[in-house]
N, C-alpha and C. Protein backbone atom coordinates (compact mmCIF):
# COMPACT_ATOMS: atom_id res chain seq x y z
N MET A 1 29.25 48.96 64.30
CA MET A 1 28.81 48.35 64.86
C MET A 1 27.50 47.49 64.16
N ASN A 2 27.30 46.36 64.52
CA ASN A 2 25.96 45.57 64.17
C ASN A 2 24.68 45.94 64.58
N ASN A 3 24.15 46.39 63.73
CA ASN A 3 22.73 47.22 63.92
C ASN A 3 21.48 46.44 65.11
N LYS A 4 21.65 44.85 65.16
CA LYS A 4 21.18 44.28 65.45
C LYS A 4 21.92 44.12 67.31
N ILE A 5 22.86 44.62 67.57
CA ILE A 5 23.76 44.36 69.05
C ILE A 5 23.26 45.53 70.01
N LYS A 6 22.54 45.45 70.51
CA LYS A 6 22.14 46.93 70.98
C LYS A 6 22.31 46.59 72.75
N SER A 7 22.62 48.16 73.69
CA SER A 7 22.94 48.05 74.92
C SER A 7 21.73 47.57 75.52
N ALA A 8 21.68 47.66 76.67
CA ALA A 8 20.21 47.77 77.15
C ALA A 8 19.19 48.60 77.08
N GLY A 9 19.71 49.78 77.31
CA GLY A 9 19.27 51.14 77.24
C GLY A 9 18.68 51.34 75.67
N GLU A 10 19.26 51.37 74.82
CA GLU A 10 18.86 51.20 73.17
C GLU A 10 17.49 50.39 72.88
N LEU A 11 18.33 48.99 73.58
CA LEU A 11 16.89 48.24 73.54
C LEU A 11 15.87 48.21 73.71
N ASN A 12 15.51 48.80 74.87
CA ASN A 12 14.64 49.27 75.53
C ASN A 12 13.35 50.02 74.65
N ARG A 13 14.66 51.06 74.13
CA ARG A 13 13.66 52.39 73.70
C ARG A 13 13.01 51.86 72.08
N GLN A 14 14.00 50.67 71.68
CA GLN A 14 13.13 50.23 70.63
C GLN A 14 11.88 49.24 71.10
N ILE A 15 12.24 48.28 71.92
CA ILE A 15 11.16 47.38 72.17
C ILE A 15 9.94 48.20 72.55
N ILE A 16 9.80 49.53 73.26
CA ILE A 16 8.76 50.06 73.48
C ILE A 16 8.13 50.52 72.20
N ARG A 17 9.29 51.16 71.16
CA ARG A 17 8.15 51.79 69.95
C ARG A 17 7.54 49.87 69.38
N LEU A 18 8.23 49.07 69.06
CA LEU A 18 7.79 48.07 68.62
C LEU A 18 6.40 47.50 69.19
N LYS A 19 6.33 47.57 70.55
CA LYS A 19 4.90 47.28 71.19
C LYS A 19 3.89 48.30 70.79
N ARG A 20 4.12 49.42 70.48
CA ARG A 20 3.50 50.48 70.19
C ARG A 20 2.82 49.61 69.07
N ASN A 21 3.72 49.37 68.09
CA ASN A 21 3.40 49.02 66.78
C ASN A 21 2.77 47.71 66.72
N GLY A 22 2.04 46.78 67.93
CA GLY A 22 1.60 46.08 68.48
C GLY A 22 2.22 44.52 68.11
N LYS A 23 3.78 44.49 68.06
CA LYS A 23 4.97 43.57 68.07
C LYS A 23 4.94 42.83 69.41
N ARG A 24 4.99 41.16 69.20
CA ARG A 24 5.00 40.46 70.42
C ARG A 24 6.80 40.34 70.83
N ILE A 25 7.19 40.66 71.41
CA ILE A 25 8.60 40.77 71.78
C ILE A 25 8.92 39.03 72.75
N VAL A 26 9.89 38.42 72.21
CA VAL A 26 10.00 37.23 72.63
C VAL A 26 11.68 37.42 73.22
N PHE A 27 11.64 36.81 74.49
CA PHE A 27 13.36 37.10 75.19
C PHE A 27 14.02 36.15 75.29
N THR A 28 14.84 35.58 75.29
CA THR A 28 15.56 34.17 75.93
C THR A 28 17.04 34.98 76.09
N ASN A 29 17.89 33.80 76.97
CA ASN A 29 19.05 34.12 77.38
C ASN A 29 19.77 33.17 77.73
N GLY A 30 21.28 33.50 77.76
CA GLY A 30 21.78 32.55 78.45
C GLY A 30 23.22 32.72 77.64
N CYS A 31 24.24 32.20 77.88
CA CYS A 31 25.80 31.89 77.92
C CYS A 31 26.12 32.13 75.69
N PHE A 32 25.38 30.73 75.11
CA PHE A 32 25.70 30.43 73.88
C PHE A 32 27.17 31.16 73.58
N ASP A 33 27.76 30.15 74.36
CA ASP A 33 29.66 29.87 74.04
C ASP A 33 29.64 29.46 72.80
N ILE A 34 29.80 28.03 72.35
CA ILE A 34 29.61 27.57 71.33
C ILE A 34 28.22 27.19 71.17
N LEU A 35 27.86 27.93 69.80
CA LEU A 35 26.73 27.67 69.31
C LEU A 35 26.54 26.29 68.47
N HIS A 36 25.71 25.20 68.42
CA HIS A 36 25.40 23.81 68.73
C HIS A 36 23.75 24.17 67.84
N LYS A 37 23.41 22.71 67.28
CA LYS A 37 21.99 22.67 67.09
C LYS A 37 20.89 22.62 67.89
N GLY A 38 21.30 22.78 69.03
CA GLY A 38 20.40 22.81 70.32
C GLY A 38 20.33 24.04 70.61
N HIS A 39 21.18 24.75 70.62
CA HIS A 39 20.68 26.68 70.41
C HIS A 39 20.23 26.89 69.21
N ILE A 40 20.15 26.12 67.94
CA ILE A 40 19.55 26.63 66.82
C ILE A 40 18.03 26.16 66.89
N LYS A 41 17.46 25.18 67.41
CA LYS A 41 16.61 24.72 67.89
C LYS A 41 15.68 25.93 68.31
N LEU A 42 16.47 25.82 69.75
CA LEU A 42 15.60 26.61 71.01
C LEU A 42 15.24 28.65 70.24
N LEU A 43 16.27 28.88 69.50
CA LEU A 43 16.31 30.05 69.23
C LEU A 43 15.00 29.76 67.60
N LYS A 44 14.87 29.15 67.06
CA LYS A 44 14.08 29.09 66.29
C LYS A 44 12.56 29.18 66.42
N LYS A 45 12.46 28.13 67.85
CA LYS A 45 11.07 27.88 68.17
C LYS A 45 10.44 29.27 69.24
N ALA A 46 11.86 29.64 69.53
CA ALA A 46 11.63 31.26 70.04
C ALA A 46 10.96 32.41 69.49
N LYS A 47 11.68 32.55 68.27
CA LYS A 47 11.42 33.54 67.09
C LYS A 47 10.00 33.22 66.85
N SER A 48 9.60 31.56 66.50
CA SER A 48 8.11 31.08 66.02
C SER A 48 6.87 31.58 67.16
N LEU A 49 7.49 32.12 68.34
CA LEU A 49 6.25 32.32 69.48
C LEU A 49 5.94 34.16 69.21
N GLY A 50 6.14 34.80 68.43
CA GLY A 50 6.50 36.41 68.32
C GLY A 50 6.71 36.72 67.13
N ASP A 51 6.61 38.08 67.36
CA ASP A 51 7.54 38.85 66.26
C ASP A 51 9.20 39.21 66.17
N ILE A 52 9.02 39.66 67.45
CA ILE A 52 10.64 40.13 67.39
C ILE A 52 11.33 38.98 68.53
N LEU A 53 12.43 38.59 68.05
CA LEU A 53 13.09 37.47 68.97
C LEU A 53 14.29 38.41 69.87
N VAL A 54 14.45 39.08 70.99
CA VAL A 54 16.14 39.08 72.23
C VAL A 54 16.41 38.30 72.43
N VAL A 55 17.91 38.06 72.13
CA VAL A 55 18.90 36.85 72.50
C VAL A 55 19.33 37.73 73.85
N ALA A 56 19.60 38.03 75.02
CA ALA A 56 20.68 38.50 75.82
C ALA A 56 21.79 37.10 76.39
N ILE A 57 22.80 37.72 76.28
CA ILE A 57 23.79 37.05 76.47
C ILE A 57 24.37 37.34 77.74
N ASN A 58 25.29 36.73 78.11
CA ASN A 58 26.00 36.96 79.58
C ASN A 58 27.30 37.45 79.46
N SER A 59 27.52 38.65 79.91
CA SER A 59 29.19 39.16 79.76
C SER A 59 30.17 37.90 79.68
N ASN A 60 31.00 38.32 79.75
CA ASN A 60 32.31 37.16 79.98
C ASN A 60 32.86 36.79 81.07
N VAL A 61 32.49 38.15 82.37
CA VAL A 61 32.79 38.02 83.68
C VAL A 61 31.37 36.99 84.40
N SER A 62 30.14 37.22 83.69
CA SER A 62 29.07 36.44 84.09
C SER A 62 29.28 34.96 84.16
N VAL A 63 29.66 34.74 82.74
CA VAL A 63 29.79 33.43 81.97
C VAL A 63 31.20 32.64 82.69
N ARG A 64 31.78 33.28 83.53
CA ARG A 64 33.34 32.21 84.16
C ARG A 64 32.25 32.26 85.54
N LYS A 65 31.75 32.76 86.35
CA LYS A 65 31.37 33.01 87.63
C LYS A 65 30.24 31.65 87.47
N ILE A 66 29.59 31.07 86.07
CA ILE A 66 28.57 30.44 86.65
C ILE A 66 29.14 29.01 85.85
N LYS A 67 30.39 29.14 84.92
CA LYS A 67 30.67 28.15 83.96
C LYS A 67 32.17 27.57 84.79
N GLY A 68 32.92 28.45 85.31
CA GLY A 68 34.33 28.47 85.51
C GLY A 68 35.33 29.42 84.74
N PRO A 69 36.23 29.11 85.35
CA PRO A 69 37.61 29.76 84.94
C PRO A 69 38.38 29.58 83.76
N GLY A 70 37.41 28.51 82.59
CA GLY A 70 38.26 28.32 81.38
C GLY A 70 36.95 29.01 80.73
N ARG A 71 36.01 29.36 81.17
CA ARG A 71 34.94 29.99 80.16
C ARG A 71 35.13 31.23 80.47
N PRO A 72 34.19 31.86 79.27
CA PRO A 72 33.51 31.43 78.29
C PRO A 72 34.91 30.98 76.66
N ILE A 73 34.54 30.27 75.96
CA ILE A 73 35.70 29.74 74.59
C ILE A 73 35.75 31.11 73.98
N ASN A 74 34.39 31.87 73.74
CA ASN A 74 34.49 32.76 72.54
C ASN A 74 33.88 34.03 73.43
N THR A 75 34.71 34.97 73.12
CA THR A 75 34.43 36.31 73.50
C THR A 75 33.22 37.10 73.04
N MET A 76 32.72 37.35 74.67
CA MET A 76 31.63 38.23 74.91
C MET A 76 31.02 38.67 72.87
N ALA A 77 31.89 39.46 72.22
CA ALA A 77 31.92 40.02 71.25
C ALA A 77 31.60 39.08 70.14
N ASP A 78 32.23 38.47 70.45
CA ASP A 78 32.56 36.94 69.11
C ASP A 78 30.63 36.21 69.53
N ARG A 79 30.60 36.28 70.98
CA ARG A 79 29.18 35.65 70.87
C ARG A 79 27.90 36.12 70.37
N ALA A 80 28.06 37.47 70.57
CA ALA A 80 26.81 38.46 70.40
C ALA A 80 27.08 38.74 68.40
N ALA A 81 28.16 38.58 67.61
CA ALA A 81 28.35 38.81 66.46
C ALA A 81 27.71 37.44 65.92
N VAL A 82 27.76 36.20 65.95
CA VAL A 82 27.51 35.25 65.77
C VAL A 82 25.97 35.22 65.55
N LEU A 83 25.53 35.24 67.13
CA LEU A 83 24.00 35.26 67.35
C LEU A 83 23.17 36.54 66.39
N SER A 84 24.02 37.70 66.27
CA SER A 84 23.23 38.83 65.66
C SER A 84 23.38 38.00 63.84
N ALA A 85 24.30 37.58 63.28
CA ALA A 85 23.98 37.06 62.50
C ALA A 85 23.14 35.80 61.72
N ILE A 86 22.72 35.21 62.67
CA ILE A 86 21.25 34.77 62.51
C ILE A 86 19.86 34.91 62.35
N SER A 87 19.46 34.82 61.09
CA SER A 87 18.17 36.00 60.78
C SER A 87 17.15 35.74 61.07
N PHE A 88 17.48 34.94 62.15
CA PHE A 88 15.76 34.79 62.71
C PHE A 88 15.72 35.23 64.32
N VAL A 89 17.15 36.05 64.36
CA VAL A 89 17.42 36.49 65.89
C VAL A 89 17.30 38.23 65.30
N ASP A 90 16.43 39.35 66.36
CA ASP A 90 16.58 40.34 65.52
C ASP A 90 17.06 41.04 66.21
N TYR A 91 17.50 41.05 67.92
CA TYR A 91 18.26 41.64 68.61
C TYR A 91 19.27 40.75 69.47
N VAL A 92 20.49 41.56 69.68
CA VAL A 92 21.31 41.08 70.72
C VAL A 92 21.55 41.81 71.93
N THR A 93 21.52 41.39 73.12
CA THR A 93 21.96 42.56 74.17
C THR A 93 23.27 41.71 74.99
N VAL A 94 23.46 42.50 75.97
CA VAL A 94 24.61 42.05 76.96
C VAL A 94 24.48 41.97 78.52
N PHE A 95 24.17 41.37 79.27
CA PHE A 95 23.69 41.74 80.62
C PHE A 95 25.31 41.04 81.30
N SER A 96 25.67 41.79 82.63
CA SER A 96 26.58 41.67 83.24
C SER A 96 26.22 41.38 84.40
N GLU A 97 24.89 41.14 85.21
CA GLU A 97 24.68 40.38 86.13
C GLU A 97 24.70 39.36 86.37
N PRO A 98 24.58 38.45 87.39
CA PRO A 98 24.49 36.97 87.74
C PRO A 98 23.47 36.57 87.07
N ASP A 99 22.09 37.06 87.16
CA ASP A 99 21.10 36.78 86.27
C ASP A 99 20.41 37.57 85.51
N PRO A 100 19.56 37.32 84.49
CA PRO A 100 18.91 38.13 83.59
C PRO A 100 17.58 39.17 83.79
N GLY A 101 17.30 39.02 85.44
CA GLY A 101 16.26 39.89 86.04
C GLY A 101 16.02 40.94 85.94
N ARG A 102 16.56 41.92 86.15
CA ARG A 102 16.97 43.11 85.58
C ARG A 102 16.41 43.76 84.10
N ILE A 103 17.49 42.88 83.33
CA ILE A 103 16.70 43.10 82.09
C ILE A 103 15.68 42.55 81.25
N ILE A 104 15.12 41.58 82.11
CA ILE A 104 13.83 41.47 82.10
C ILE A 104 12.72 42.19 82.31
N GLY A 105 13.00 42.65 83.50
CA GLY A 105 12.13 43.52 84.10
C GLY A 105 12.28 45.18 83.16
N MET A 106 13.14 45.29 82.57
CA MET A 106 13.30 46.76 81.77
C MET A 106 12.71 46.30 80.12
N LEU A 107 12.92 45.13 79.97
CA LEU A 107 12.40 45.29 78.66
C LEU A 107 10.91 44.78 78.37
N LYS A 108 10.61 43.74 79.53
CA LYS A 108 9.34 43.48 80.05
C LYS A 108 8.78 42.47 78.71
N PRO A 109 9.12 41.50 78.34
CA PRO A 109 9.04 40.93 76.87
C PRO A 109 7.62 40.20 76.77
N ASP A 110 6.90 39.84 76.29
CA ASP A 110 5.59 39.63 76.41
C ASP A 110 5.95 37.25 76.54
N ILE A 111 6.52 37.23 76.12
CA ILE A 111 7.03 35.84 76.15
C ILE A 111 8.29 35.32 76.48
N LEU A 112 8.87 34.87 77.72
CA LEU A 112 10.13 34.75 78.23
C LEU A 112 10.36 33.19 77.82
N VAL A 113 10.93 32.96 76.88
CA VAL A 113 11.72 31.51 76.58
C VAL A 113 12.89 30.77 77.52
N LYS A 114 12.81 29.65 77.78
CA LYS A 114 14.11 29.06 78.34
C LYS A 114 13.98 27.57 78.01
N GLY A 115 15.20 26.83 78.06
CA GLY A 115 15.52 25.76 77.34
C GLY A 115 14.76 24.60 78.72
N GLY A 116 14.34 23.28 77.96
CA GLY A 116 13.97 22.30 78.83
C GLY A 116 14.71 21.88 80.19
N ASP A 117 16.09 21.89 80.19
CA ASP A 117 17.15 21.85 81.58
C ASP A 117 16.50 22.79 82.55
N TRP A 118 15.55 23.57 82.39
CA TRP A 118 15.24 25.04 83.40
C TRP A 118 14.01 24.33 83.97
N PRO A 119 13.71 23.83 85.05
CA PRO A 119 12.19 23.84 85.51
C PRO A 119 11.57 24.74 86.00
N LYS A 120 10.21 24.78 85.37
CA LYS A 120 9.58 26.26 85.19
C LYS A 120 9.79 27.08 86.71
N GLY A 121 9.67 26.28 87.98
CA GLY A 121 9.95 27.33 88.90
C GLY A 121 10.87 27.71 88.95
N ARG A 122 12.24 27.30 88.66
CA ARG A 122 13.49 27.75 88.74
C ARG A 122 13.71 28.99 87.11
N ILE A 123 13.04 29.19 86.66
CA ILE A 123 13.29 30.03 85.72
C ILE A 123 13.48 31.54 85.98
N ILE A 124 14.33 32.14 86.05
CA ILE A 124 14.99 33.41 86.83
C ILE A 124 13.98 34.57 85.77
N GLY A 125 13.33 35.08 86.29
CA GLY A 125 12.34 36.59 85.34
C GLY A 125 10.74 35.61 85.18
N ARG A 126 10.76 34.18 85.67
CA ARG A 126 9.49 33.93 85.63
C ARG A 126 8.06 35.06 86.48
N ASP A 127 8.51 35.01 87.55
CA ASP A 127 7.90 35.80 88.12
C ASP A 127 7.19 37.05 87.65
N ILE A 128 8.63 37.47 87.50
CA ILE A 128 8.43 39.36 86.67
C ILE A 128 7.04 39.17 85.66
N VAL A 129 7.71 38.66 84.76
CA VAL A 129 6.61 38.12 83.74
C VAL A 129 5.08 37.69 83.77
N GLU A 130 5.33 37.04 84.35
CA GLU A 130 3.66 36.49 84.73
C GLU A 130 3.29 37.38 85.77
N LYS A 131 3.75 38.31 86.64
CA LYS A 131 3.49 39.56 86.96
C LYS A 131 2.52 40.44 86.22
N TYR A 132 3.01 40.75 84.99
CA TYR A 132 2.29 41.54 83.98
C TYR A 132 1.35 41.10 82.68
N GLY A 133 1.44 39.56 82.79
CA GLY A 133 0.56 39.04 82.28
C GLY A 133 1.22 38.32 80.96
N GLY A 134 2.75 38.41 81.42
CA GLY A 134 3.38 37.49 79.95
C GLY A 134 3.35 36.22 79.96
N LYS A 135 3.93 35.47 79.02
CA LYS A 135 4.10 33.98 79.13
C LYS A 135 5.26 33.48 79.35
N VAL A 136 5.32 32.25 79.84
CA VAL A 136 7.10 31.35 79.68
C VAL A 136 6.57 30.34 79.11
N GLN A 137 7.50 30.06 78.44
CA GLN A 137 7.28 29.12 77.56
C GLN A 137 8.48 27.89 77.69
N ILE A 138 8.39 26.88 77.74
CA ILE A 138 9.92 25.97 78.01
C ILE A 138 9.65 25.31 76.74
N VAL A 139 11.14 25.17 76.36
CA VAL A 139 11.43 24.26 74.73
C VAL A 139 12.32 23.72 74.87
N LYS A 140 11.69 21.97 74.48
CA LYS A 140 12.11 20.62 74.73
C LYS A 140 13.89 20.87 74.28
N LEU A 141 15.01 20.42 74.90
CA LEU A 141 15.85 20.39 74.43
C LEU A 141 16.15 19.09 73.75
N LYS A 142 17.09 19.61 72.46
CA LYS A 142 17.51 18.15 71.64
C LYS A 142 18.50 17.75 72.58
N LYS A 143 18.57 16.47 72.88
CA LYS A 143 19.10 15.63 73.17
C LYS A 143 20.66 15.37 72.75
N GLY A 144 21.67 15.35 73.59
CA GLY A 144 22.97 15.20 73.17
C GLY A 144 23.55 16.42 72.75
N TYR A 145 22.93 17.56 73.46
CA TYR A 145 23.84 18.70 72.66
C TYR A 145 24.00 19.91 73.75
N SER A 146 24.90 20.17 74.17
CA SER A 146 25.62 20.66 74.83
C SER A 146 26.99 21.46 74.81
N THR A 147 26.84 22.40 75.17
CA THR A 147 28.74 23.28 75.00
C THR A 147 29.05 22.78 76.31
N THR A 148 28.60 22.26 77.02
CA THR A 148 29.44 21.75 78.17
C THR A 148 30.12 20.62 77.90
N ARG A 149 29.36 19.79 77.25
CA ARG A 149 29.41 18.33 76.27
C ARG A 149 30.80 18.68 75.32
N LEU A 150 30.50 19.49 74.48
CA LEU A 150 31.23 19.78 73.44
C LEU A 150 32.79 20.07 73.92
N VAL A 151 32.93 20.87 75.04
CA VAL A 151 34.15 21.74 75.47
C VAL A 151 34.84 20.26 75.55
N ASN A 152 34.59 19.59 76.83
CA ASN A 152 34.59 18.39 77.42
C ASN A 152 35.48 17.08 76.30
N ALA A 153 34.57 16.78 75.34
CA ALA A 153 34.99 16.18 74.10
C ALA A 153 36.22 16.63 73.86
N ILE A 154 36.10 17.93 73.04
CA ILE A 154 37.48 18.60 72.37
C ILE A 154 38.76 18.26 73.36
N ALA A 155 38.59 18.64 74.79
CA ALA A 155 39.26 18.30 75.90
C ALA A 155 39.88 17.00 75.83
N ARG A 156 39.02 15.64 75.54
CA ARG A 156 39.16 14.58 75.76
C ARG A 156 40.35 13.81 74.82
N ARG A 157 39.75 14.50 73.15
CA ARG A 157 40.54 14.67 71.55
C ARG A 157 42.12 15.22 72.14
N SER A 158 41.90 16.15 72.76
CA SER A 158 43.52 16.85 72.84
C SER A 158 44.38 15.85 73.84
N ARG A 159 44.08 15.26 74.22
CA ARG A 159 44.88 14.37 75.26
C ARG A 159 45.86 13.71 74.65
């Protein structure tokens, strides 16, 4: 198994060690179904905010609940493998809940990063992170890039 892909428990133990060594932990999450330039921009910016970038992805069941029955396009294992191949992504983990609140509470990242499509007041985990002194950072999205838009474009072209 790829050593960047960790269960939540394994990752928690690793994060505790890293924090003891003074590392700043940055966390972001999402479906990351079909990676595109907007995702790369978000991930690169997230990494620039700290030392260790953790990306938590929704399980296949969780993606279906959020995006509908035709999603995800790529399996959980494939999405994790692709993300872990990106040099500036340090760890990838999967969560099955409808939102990342539990894993954010467990890992206690120093910085929680979300894309600009999320108003600060609606960012899941914001209250958790700010309660222990962490920060929330919103990254401006790259206009015109969205997985849903790509999926719809592919569907239109295949008709």
